[in-house]
Structures are given as structure tokens and as C-alpha cells.
C-alpha atoms as a PDB file:
ATOM      1  CA  UNK A   1     -11.293  72.028 120.967  1.00  0.00           C
ATOM      2  CA  UNK A   2     -10.949  68.175 121.662  1.00  0.00           C
ATOM      3  CA  UNK A   3      -8.381  65.904 123.268  1.00  0.00           C
ATOM      4  CA  UNK A   4      -6.201  63.601 121.189  1.00  0.00           C
ATOM      5  CA  UNK A   5      -8.293  60.615 122.317  1.00  0.00           C
ATOM      6  CA  UNK A   6     -11.517  62.331 120.940  1.00  0.00           C
ATOM      7  CA  UNK A   7      -9.585  63.230 117.574  1.00  0.00           C
ATOM      8  CA  UNK A   8      -8.469  59.570 117.294  1.00  0.00           C
ATOM      9  CA  UNK A   9     -12.049  58.237 117.785  1.00  0.00           C
ATOM     10  CA  UNK A  10     -13.512  60.904 115.247  1.00  0.00           C
ATOM     11  CA  UNK A  11     -11.165  59.797 112.607  1.00  0.00           C
ATOM     12  CA  UNK A  12     -11.216  56.109 113.307  1.00  0.00           C
ATOM     13  CA  UNK A  13      -7.535  55.854 114.177  1.00  0.00           C
ATOM     14  CA  UNK A  14      -5.566  54.944 117.282  1.00  0.00           C
ATOM     15  CA  UNK A  15      -3.802  57.537 119.602  1.00  0.00           C
ATOM     16  CA  UNK A  16      -0.618  55.963 118.492  1.00  0.00           C
ATOM     17  CA  UNK A  17      -1.255  56.623 114.852  1.00  0.00           C
ATOM     18  CA  UNK A  18      -1.934  60.309 115.760  1.00  0.00           C
ATOM     19  CA  UNK A  19       1.371  60.585 117.680  1.00  0.00           C
ATOM     20  CA  UNK A  20       3.152  58.794 114.640  1.00  0.00           C
ATOM     21  CA  UNK A  21       1.718  61.140 112.177  1.00  0.00           C
ATOM     22  CA  UNK A  22       2.981  64.153 114.428  1.00  0.00           C
ATOM     23  CA  UNK A  23       6.445  62.565 114.406  1.00  0.00           C
ATOM     24  CA  UNK A  24       6.433  62.143 110.683  1.00  0.00           C
ATOM     25  CA  UNK A  25       5.407  65.764 110.157  1.00  0.00           C
ATOM     26  CA  UNK A  26       2.074  64.870 108.574  1.00  0.00           C
ATOM     27  CA  UNK A  27      -0.207  66.304 111.200  1.00  0.00           C
ATOM     28  CA  UNK A  28       0.503  69.746 112.761  1.00  0.00           C
ATOM     29  CA  UNK A  29       1.139  69.854 116.493  1.00  0.00           C
ATOM     30  CA  UNK A  30      -1.762  71.695 118.285  1.00  0.00           C
ATOM     31  CA  UNK A  31      -1.131  74.119 121.213  1.00  0.00           C
ATOM     32  CA  UNK A  32      -1.303  72.770 124.621  1.00  0.00           C
ATOM     33  CA  UNK A  33      -3.753  74.102 127.235  1.00  0.00           C
ATOM     34  CA  UNK A  34      -2.869  75.367 130.790  1.00  0.00           C
ATOM     35  CA  UNK A  35      -2.677  71.862 132.082  1.00  0.00           C
ATOM     36  CA  UNK A  36      -0.229  70.918 129.261  1.00  0.00           C
ATOM     37  CA  UNK A  37      -2.619  68.772 127.139  1.00  0.00           C
ATOM     38  CA  UNK A  38      -2.731  69.028 123.397  1.00  0.00           C
ATOM     39  CA  UNK A  39      -6.090  70.450 122.237  1.00  0.00           C
ATOM     40  CA  UNK A  40      -7.120  69.802 118.627  1.00  0.00           C
ATOM     41  CA  UNK A  41      -9.387  71.762 116.381  1.00  0.00           C
ATOM     42  CA  UNK A  42     -11.651  71.191 113.444  1.00  0.00           C
ATOM     43  CA  UNK A  43      -8.824  71.527 110.906  1.00  0.00           C
ATOM     44  CA  UNK A  44      -6.772  68.923 112.659  1.00  0.00           C
ATOM     45  CA  UNK A  45      -9.666  66.576 112.355  1.00  0.00           C
ATOM     46  CA  UNK A  46      -9.963  67.327 108.687  1.00  0.00           C
ATOM     47  CA  UNK A  47      -6.209  66.782 108.121  1.00  0.00           C
ATOM     48  CA  UNK A  48      -6.179  63.537 110.011  1.00  0.00           C
ATOM     49  CA  UNK A  49      -9.117  62.144 108.027  1.00  0.00           C
ATOM     50  CA  UNK A  50      -7.316  63.028 104.755  1.00  0.00           C
ATOM     51  CA  UNK A  51      -4.142  61.353 106.043  1.00  0.00           C
ATOM     52  CA  UNK A  52      -5.953  58.169 107.013  1.00  0.00           C
ATOM     53  CA  UNK A  53      -7.810  58.154 103.563  1.00  0.00           C
ATOM     54  CA  UNK A  54      -4.545  58.445 101.625  1.00  0.00           C
ATOM     55  CA  UNK A  55      -2.712  55.892 103.844  1.00  0.00           C
ATOM     56  CA  UNK A  56      -5.553  53.202 103.504  1.00  0.00           C
ATOM     57  CA  UNK A  57      -5.494  53.788  99.799  1.00  0.00           C
ATOM     58  CA  UNK A  58      -1.807  52.606  99.746  1.00  0.00           C
ATOM     59  CA  UNK A  59      -0.162  55.865  99.527  1.00  0.00           C
ATOM     60  CA  UNK A  60       3.375  55.721 101.187  1.00  0.00           C
ATOM     61  CA  UNK A  61       3.452  57.912 104.202  1.00  0.00           C
ATOM     62  CA  UNK A  62       6.549  59.662 102.547  1.00  0.00           C
ATOM     63  CA  UNK A  63       4.321  61.075  99.852  1.00  0.00           C
ATOM     64  CA  UNK A  64       1.291  61.981 101.955  1.00  0.00           C
ATOM     65  CA  UNK A  65       2.625  65.406 102.890  1.00  0.00           C
ATOM     66  CA  UNK A  66       3.313  66.144  99.239  1.00  0.00           C
ATOM     67  CA  UNK A  67      -0.162  65.172  98.260  1.00  0.00           C
ATOM     68  CA  UNK A  68      -1.813  67.070 100.925  1.00  0.00           C
ATOM     69  CA  UNK A  69      -0.258  70.356  99.732  1.00  0.00           C
ATOM     70  CA  UNK A  70      -0.321  69.403  95.865  1.00  0.00           C
ATOM     71  CA  UNK A  71      -2.762  71.224  93.492  1.00  0.00           C
ATOM     72  CA  UNK A  72      -5.053  69.217  91.385  1.00  0.00           C
ATOM     73  CA  UNK A  73      -2.701  68.459  88.447  1.00  0.00           C
ATOM     74  CA  UNK A  74      -0.038  67.469  90.605  1.00  0.00           C
ATOM     75  CA  UNK A  75      -2.213  65.375  92.961  1.00  0.00           C
ATOM     76  CA  UNK A  76      -3.434  63.420  89.842  1.00  0.00           C
ATOM     77  CA  UNK A  77      -0.034  62.838  88.492  1.00  0.00           C
ATOM     78  CA  UNK A  78       1.293  61.470  91.899  1.00  0.00           C
ATOM     79  CA  UNK A  79      -1.620  59.180  92.149  1.00  0.00           C
ATOM     80  CA  UNK A  80      -1.053  57.820  88.812  1.00  0.00           C
ATOM     81  CA  UNK A  81       2.585  57.188  89.776  1.00  0.00           C
ATOM     82  CA  UNK A  82       1.582  55.685  93.049  1.00  0.00           C
ATOM     83  CA  UNK A  83      -0.972  53.471  91.286  1.00  0.00           C
ATOM     84  CA  UNK A  84       1.674  52.237  88.921  1.00  0.00           C
ATOM     85  CA  UNK A  85       4.000  51.457  91.827  1.00  0.00           C
ATOM     86  CA  UNK A  86       1.182  49.541  93.579  1.00  0.00           C
ATOM     87  CA  UNK A  87       0.670  47.629  90.459  1.00  0.00           C
ATOM     88  CA  UNK A  88       4.170  46.537  90.132  1.00  0.00           C
ATOM     89  CA  UNK A  89       4.265  45.418  93.914  1.00  0.00           C
ATOM     90  CA  UNK A  90       0.980  43.617  93.169  1.00  0.00           C
ATOM     91  CA  UNK A  91       2.526  41.720  90.247  1.00  0.00           C
ATOM     92  CA  UNK A  92       5.694  40.953  92.388  1.00  0.00           C
ATOM     93  CA  UNK A  93       3.506  39.493  95.188  1.00  0.00           C
ATOM     94  CA  UNK A  94       1.758  37.108  92.710  1.00  0.00           C
ATOM     95  CA  UNK A  95       5.188  36.075  91.423  1.00  0.00           C
ATOM     96  CA  UNK A  96       6.292  35.479  95.099  1.00  0.00           C
ATOM     97  CA  UNK A  97       2.961  33.401  95.739  1.00  0.00           C
ATOM     98  CA  UNK A  98       3.831  31.325  92.586  1.00  0.00           C
ATOM     99  CA  UNK A  99       7.386  30.733  93.967  1.00  0.00           C
ATOM    100  CA  UNK A 100       5.880  29.595  97.517  1.00  0.00           C
ATOM    101  CA  UNK A 101       3.603  27.466  95.711  1.00  0.00           C
ATOM    102  CA  UNK A 102       6.411  25.595  93.878  1.00  0.00           C
ATOM    103  CA  UNK A 103       8.224  25.208  97.247  1.00  0.00           C
ATOM    104  CA  UNK A 104       5.302  23.491  98.511  1.00  0.00           C
ATOM    105  CA  UNK A 105       5.804  20.886  95.903  1.00  0.00           C
ATOM    106  CA  UNK A 106       8.774  19.498  97.729  1.00  0.00           C
ATOM    107  CA  UNK A 107      11.039  17.276  95.714  1.00  0.00           C
ATOM    108  CA  UNK A 108       9.122  18.216  92.460  1.00  0.00           C
ATOM    109  CA  UNK A 109      10.866  21.728  92.849  1.00  0.00           C
ATOM    110  CA  UNK A 110      14.314  20.258  92.426  1.00  0.00           C
ATOM    111  CA  UNK A 111      14.000  17.348  90.266  1.00  0.00           C
ATOM    112  CA  UNK A 112      12.323  16.109  87.108  1.00  0.00           C
ATOM    113  CA  UNK A 113       8.729  14.601  87.249  1.00  0.00           C
ATOM    114  CA  UNK A 114      10.299  11.245  86.434  1.00  0.00           C
ATOM    115  CA  UNK A 115      12.808  11.437  89.397  1.00  0.00           C
ATOM    116  CA  UNK A 116      10.105  12.713  91.871  1.00  0.00           C
ATOM    117  CA  UNK A 117       7.743   9.892  90.815  1.00  0.00           C
ATOM    118  CA  UNK A 118      10.573   7.453  91.446  1.00  0.00           C
ATOM    119  CA  UNK A 119      11.284   8.896  94.813  1.00  0.00           C
ATOM    120  CA  UNK A 120       7.567   8.318  95.685  1.00  0.00           C
ATOM    121  CA  UNK A 121       7.847   4.815  94.521  1.00  0.00           C
ATOM    122  CA  UNK A 122      10.864   4.281  96.876  1.00  0.00           C
ATOM    123  CA  UNK A 123       8.723   5.583  99.722  1.00  0.00           C
ATOM    124  CA  UNK A 124       5.831   3.376  98.953  1.00  0.00           C
ATOM    125  CA  UNK A 125       8.220   0.379  98.783  1.00  0.00           C
ATOM    126  CA  UNK A 126       9.490   0.971 102.192  1.00  0.00           C
ATOM    127  CA  UNK A 127      12.940   2.421 101.575  1.00  0.00           C
ATOM    128  CA  UNK A 128      14.326   4.354 104.556  1.00  0.00           C
ATOM    129  CA  UNK A 129      13.900   8.176 104.455  1.00  0.00           C
ATOM    130  CA  UNK A 130      17.795   8.441 104.727  1.00  0.00           C
ATOM    131  CA  UNK A 131      18.255   6.570 101.309  1.00  0.00           C
ATOM    132  CA  UNK A 132      15.445   8.450  99.594  1.00  0.00           C
ATOM    133  CA  UNK A 133      17.128  11.631 100.698  1.00  0.00           C
ATOM    134  CA  UNK A 134      20.510  10.333  99.307  1.00  0.00           C
ATOM    135  CA  UNK A 135      18.789   9.412  96.040  1.00  0.00           C
ATOM    136  CA  UNK A 136      17.204  12.854  95.823  1.00  0.00           C
ATOM    137  CA  UNK A 137      20.491  14.636  96.448  1.00  0.00           C
ATOM    138  CA  UNK A 138      22.290  12.469  93.892  1.00  0.00           C
ATOM    139  CA  UNK A 139      19.686  13.038  91.252  1.00  0.00           C
ATOM    140  CA  UNK A 140      19.977  16.728  91.872  1.00  0.00           C
ATOM    141  CA  UNK A 141      23.652  16.525  91.136  1.00  0.00           C
ATOM    142  CA  UNK A 142      23.348  14.219  88.144  1.00  0.00           C
ATOM    143  CA  UNK A 143      20.634  16.312  86.500  1.00  0.00           C
ATOM    144  CA  UNK A 144      22.648  19.602  86.952  1.00  0.00           C
ATOM    145  CA  UNK A 145      25.783  17.961  85.417  1.00  0.00           C
ATOM    146  CA  UNK A 146      24.224  16.004  82.640  1.00  0.00           C
ATOM    147  CA  UNK A 147      20.273  16.360  82.175  1.00  0.00           C
ATOM    148  CA  UNK A 148      20.175  14.235  78.973  1.00  0.00           C
ATOM    149  CA  UNK A 149      22.237  11.253  80.576  1.00  0.00           C
ATOM    150  CA  UNK A 150      20.234  11.557  83.781  1.00  0.00           C
ATOM    151  CA  UNK A 151      16.899  11.286  81.874  1.00  0.00           C
ATOM    152  CA  UNK A 152      18.223   8.089  80.167  1.00  0.00           C
ATOM    153  CA  UNK A 153      19.419   6.818  83.641  1.00  0.00           C
ATOM    154  CA  UNK A 154      16.063   7.445  85.572  1.00  0.00           C
ATOM    155  CA  UNK A 155      14.122   5.625  82.591  1.00  0.00           C
ATOM    156  CA  UNK A 156      16.490   2.681  83.090  1.00  0.00           C
ATOM    157  CA  UNK A 157      16.216   2.815  86.911  1.00  0.00           C
ATOM    158  CA  UNK A 158      12.487   2.864  86.945  1.00  0.00           C
ATOM    159  CA  UNK A 159      12.437  -0.058  84.350  1.00  0.00           C
ATOM    160  CA  UNK A 160      14.546  -2.040  86.855  1.00  0.00           C
ATOM    161  CA  UNK A 161      12.237  -1.328  89.676  1.00  0.00           C
ATOM    162  CA  UNK A 162       9.842  -3.567  87.989  1.00  0.00           C
ATOM    163  CA  UNK A 163      11.953  -6.512  88.652  1.00  0.00           C
ATOM    164  CA  UNK A 164      11.050  -8.106  91.943  1.00  0.00           C
ATOM    165  CA  UNK A 165      14.717  -9.285  92.515  1.00  0.00           C
ATOM    166  CA  UNK A 166      15.929  -5.672  92.117  1.00  0.00           C
ATOM    167  CA  UNK A 167      13.499  -4.329  94.571  1.00  0.00           C
ATOM    168  CA  UNK A 168      14.524  -6.964  97.067  1.00  0.00           C
ATOM    169  CA  UNK A 169      18.302  -6.050  96.561  1.00  0.00           C
ATOM    170  CA  UNK A 170      17.430  -2.366  96.932  1.00  0.00           C
ATOM    171  CA  UNK A 171      15.835  -2.864 100.143  1.00  0.00           C
ATOM    172  CA  UNK A 172      18.600  -5.266 101.469  1.00  0.00           C
ATOM    173  CA  UNK A 173      21.262  -2.467 100.480  1.00  0.00           C
ATOM    174  CA  UNK A 174      19.110   0.014 102.306  1.00  0.00           C
ATOM    175  CA  UNK A 175      19.022  -2.136 105.431  1.00  0.00           C
ATOM    176  CA  UNK A 176      22.750  -3.064 105.111  1.00  0.00           C
ATOM    177  CA  UNK A 177      23.637   0.573 105.898  1.00  0.00           C
ATOM    178  CA  UNK A 178      23.295  -0.293 109.822  1.00  0.00           C
ATOM    179  CA  UNK A 179      24.896  -3.602 109.713  1.00  0.00           C
ATOM    180  CA  UNK A 180      28.240  -4.422 111.196  1.00  0.00           C
ATOM    181  CA  UNK A 181      30.936  -4.370 108.646  1.00  0.00           C
ATOM    182  CA  UNK A 182      31.683  -8.122 109.890  1.00  0.00           C
ATOM    183  CA  UNK A 183      28.231  -9.262 109.191  1.00  0.00           C
ATOM    184  CA  UNK A 184      28.310 -12.410 106.991  1.00  0.00           C
ATOM    185  CA  UNK A 185      25.105 -11.272 105.222  1.00  0.00           C
ATOM    186  CA  UNK A 186      27.329  -8.707 103.280  1.00  0.00           C
ATOM    187  CA  UNK A 187      28.855 -11.566 101.331  1.00  0.00           C
ATOM    188  CA  UNK A 188      25.478 -13.054 100.391  1.00  0.00           C
ATOM    189  CA  UNK A 189      24.252  -9.688  99.324  1.00  0.00           C
ATOM    190  CA  UNK A 190      27.391  -9.249  97.226  1.00  0.00           C
ATOM    191  CA  UNK A 191      26.674 -12.593  95.639  1.00  0.00           C
ATOM    192  CA  UNK A 192      23.075 -11.706  94.874  1.00  0.00           C
ATOM    193  CA  UNK A 193      24.062  -8.382  93.460  1.00  0.00           C
ATOM    194  CA  UNK A 194      26.792  -9.975  91.199  1.00  0.00           C
ATOM    195  CA  UNK A 195      24.303 -12.442  89.975  1.00  0.00           C
ATOM    196  CA  UNK A 196      21.545  -9.796  89.190  1.00  0.00           C
ATOM    197  CA  UNK A 197      24.112  -7.659  87.448  1.00  0.00           C
ATOM    198  CA  UNK A 198      25.461 -10.568  85.274  1.00  0.00           C
ATOM    199  CA  UNK A 199      21.918 -11.432  84.407  1.00  0.00           C
ATOM    200  CA  UNK A 200      21.149  -7.826  83.388  1.00  0.00           C
ATOM    201  CA  UNK A 201      24.368  -7.622  81.384  1.00  0.00           C
ATOM    202  CA  UNK A 202      23.350 -10.672  79.309  1.00  0.00           C
ATOM    203  CA  UNK A 203      19.791  -9.389  78.725  1.00  0.00           C
ATOM    204  CA  UNK A 204      21.222  -6.046  77.563  1.00  0.00           C
ATOM    205  CA  UNK A 205      23.516  -7.768  75.141  1.00  0.00           C
ATOM    206  CA  UNK A 206      26.663  -6.727  76.807  1.00  0.00           C
ATOM    207  CA  UNK A 207      25.565  -2.945  77.420  1.00  0.00           C
ATOM    208  CA  UNK A 208      27.204  -0.922  79.992  1.00  0.00           C
ATOM    209  CA  UNK A 209      26.175  -1.033  83.593  1.00  0.00           C
ATOM    210  CA  UNK A 210      24.056   1.845  84.391  1.00  0.00           C
ATOM    211  CA  UNK A 211      22.749   3.813  87.336  1.00  0.00           C
ATOM    212  CA  UNK A 212      19.879   1.511  88.013  1.00  0.00           C
ATOM    213  CA  UNK A 213      22.008  -1.164  89.563  1.00  0.00           C
ATOM    214  CA  UNK A 214      21.471  -1.925  93.221  1.00  0.00           C
ATOM    215  CA  UNK A 215      24.918  -0.228  94.050  1.00  0.00           C
ATOM    216  CA  UNK A 216      23.320   3.024  93.112  1.00  0.00           C
ATOM    217  CA  UNK A 217      22.497   3.469  96.731  1.00  0.00           C
ATOM    218  CA  UNK A 218      26.219   3.512  97.612  1.00  0.00           C
ATOM    219  CA  UNK A 219      27.123   5.646  94.490  1.00  0.00           C
ATOM    220  CA  UNK A 220      24.627   8.305  95.559  1.00  0.00           C
ATOM    221  CA  UNK A 221      25.781   8.159  99.148  1.00  0.00           C
ATOM    222  CA  UNK A 222      29.363   8.743  97.864  1.00  0.00           C
ATOM    223  CA  UNK A 223      27.963  11.764  95.950  1.00  0.00           C
ATOM    224  CA  UNK A 224      26.398  13.127  99.134  1.00  0.00           C
ATOM    225  CA  UNK A 225      29.401  12.211 101.375  1.00  0.00           C
ATOM    226  CA  UNK A 226      27.262   9.734 103.396  1.00  0.00           C
ATOM    227  CA  UNK A 227      28.435   6.092 103.902  1.00  0.00           C
ATOM    228  CA  UNK A 228      28.668   3.489 106.881  1.00  0.00           C
ATOM    229  CA  UNK A 229      31.046   0.802 107.744  1.00  0.00           C
ATOM    230  CA  UNK A 230      29.037  -1.861 106.303  1.00  0.00           C
ATOM    231  CA  UNK A 231      28.658  -0.151 102.865  1.00  0.00           C
ATOM    232  CA  UNK A 232      32.290   0.498 102.776  1.00  0.00           C
ATOM    233  CA  UNK A 233      33.047  -3.134 103.497  1.00  0.00           C
ATOM    234  CA  UNK A 234      30.338  -4.110 100.891  1.00  0.00           C
ATOM    235  CA  UNK A 235      32.238  -1.984  98.235  1.00  0.00           C
ATOM    236  CA  UNK A 236      35.519  -3.560  99.400  1.00  0.00           C
ATOM    237  CA  UNK A 237      34.019  -7.011  98.662  1.00  0.00           C
ATOM    238  CA  UNK A 238      32.982  -5.825  95.278  1.00  0.00           C
ATOM    239  CA  UNK A 239      36.398  -4.561  94.443  1.00  0.00           C
ATOM    240  CA  UNK A 240      38.131  -7.675  95.648  1.00  0.00           C
ATOM    241  CA  UNK A 241      35.895  -9.685  93.418  1.00  0.00           C
ATOM    242  CA  UNK A 242      36.581  -7.694  90.331  1.00  0.00           C
ATOM    243  CA  UNK A 243      40.221  -7.599  90.975  1.00  0.00           C
ATOM    244  CA  UNK A 244      40.342 -11.369  91.520  1.00  0.00           C
ATOM    245  CA  UNK A 245      38.020 -12.019  88.427  1.00  0.00           C
END
């Protein structure tokens, strides 16, 4: 007869595991000696080794008691079923890992490759993280609503980024977010934007203004519900000029 500690050491488990198997009804409770201590025999050790072996093989504890009492045919059938369930779990884990890997791709999980490349271009240009985030959120919305149109817009937008004046305007629109609404530079920015748009309009033979215009920062901000007093004033200046023109 041996103690619970000696039994646990023999089977290579913890005392806590032995007590847990008692609670689950997997390992029979032994009688206690005159001092009130449990005393285990050889059969307890054999049963504990079997329980440990099945548990380590992936058999759910809820099925262990059934298997310990099963005849060879029932045992083989149960093991086949358990193996099939484990295979399904393994496949689900692979799918979960694939989803996690896609999550690590950041923006590329939510937007097209072209948009993700464009966002990286903005970061390399020195555009604020705030505006990059606004752009990303706006493109997510646009691609969800009209994927085909969004594909045309992003191609147009990336083409415009090849124009040094457009890049300069984009950076100044970005910086203007933090300006005072009374800053006189807003009028100068509005003038430059108007000239650039007029020039692009002529080059495109009167085509419609598209999302690549510098005001896209404000358009996307509107979609995201983000603005600033300076941006609002810049939009007012643009409206005033359109109404007056």
C-alpha cells in the first residue's frame, strides 16, 4: 500500500491530478488507514497509468471512464471517433492560425492591395498617422459600397501622387487640420487647390472631378466623422468660391 504522493510519482502525474481524477469518478477512491490517510494498491497504479495514457493521447476525460470499461470492439470504435474529432479540431486550428496570420497583415486585411500600397506611400511621404487612418477608413467604406468604382478611384489617386504639386497640396491639407480657422494660409491653400483642380480638369478634357483631388482628405474625414475648425473653414471657402463663380 502506498500514499497518494508515491502513487503520483509512480504514474508521473501530480497529486492534484490524482485528486481531480477522483472527483471526475475516473479513479476509485481507496480506503483510509487508521490515521485517515488514503492508501493505494497496485490496481490504483495500473488504472492511473491507463487514465494518464488516454488523456495524453487526447482522449477527453469525459470519455476515459467509458474506454476503461469498454471491450476491444467498443474501444476501437471509440478511438476511431475520437481520432476523427481530433482531426477536425486540428483542421480548425490551422484555419484559426491562417486567420491570425491575415490579421498580422494589418491594413492589407481590410483593403485592396492597391489601397494598402497607397497607404504605405502616404506614410513614406510623411503624412500624419491621423490622415492615413482617415484614408484607410474611407477606402474601407468606399470599397464596401462600390468595389469597381473604388478600384478606378485608387488608380487615379495613385497616378495623381506622381505629381509633385499634388503631393505638396496633400501634405499642406494634412497640416492644415491643426491650423486656426482664421489662419490666412487657408486662402492660399484654397487658391493652390483650385488652380491644381482647374489644371487637372483641362488635362482630363473636362472629365469629372475624382477622389484623387487634394480635398479627398476632407471627404474621407467627413465619412469617418472627423474634422477640425480649419478644415471646416477651408470647405466654406471652397463653397463660397463655387457659389460666387
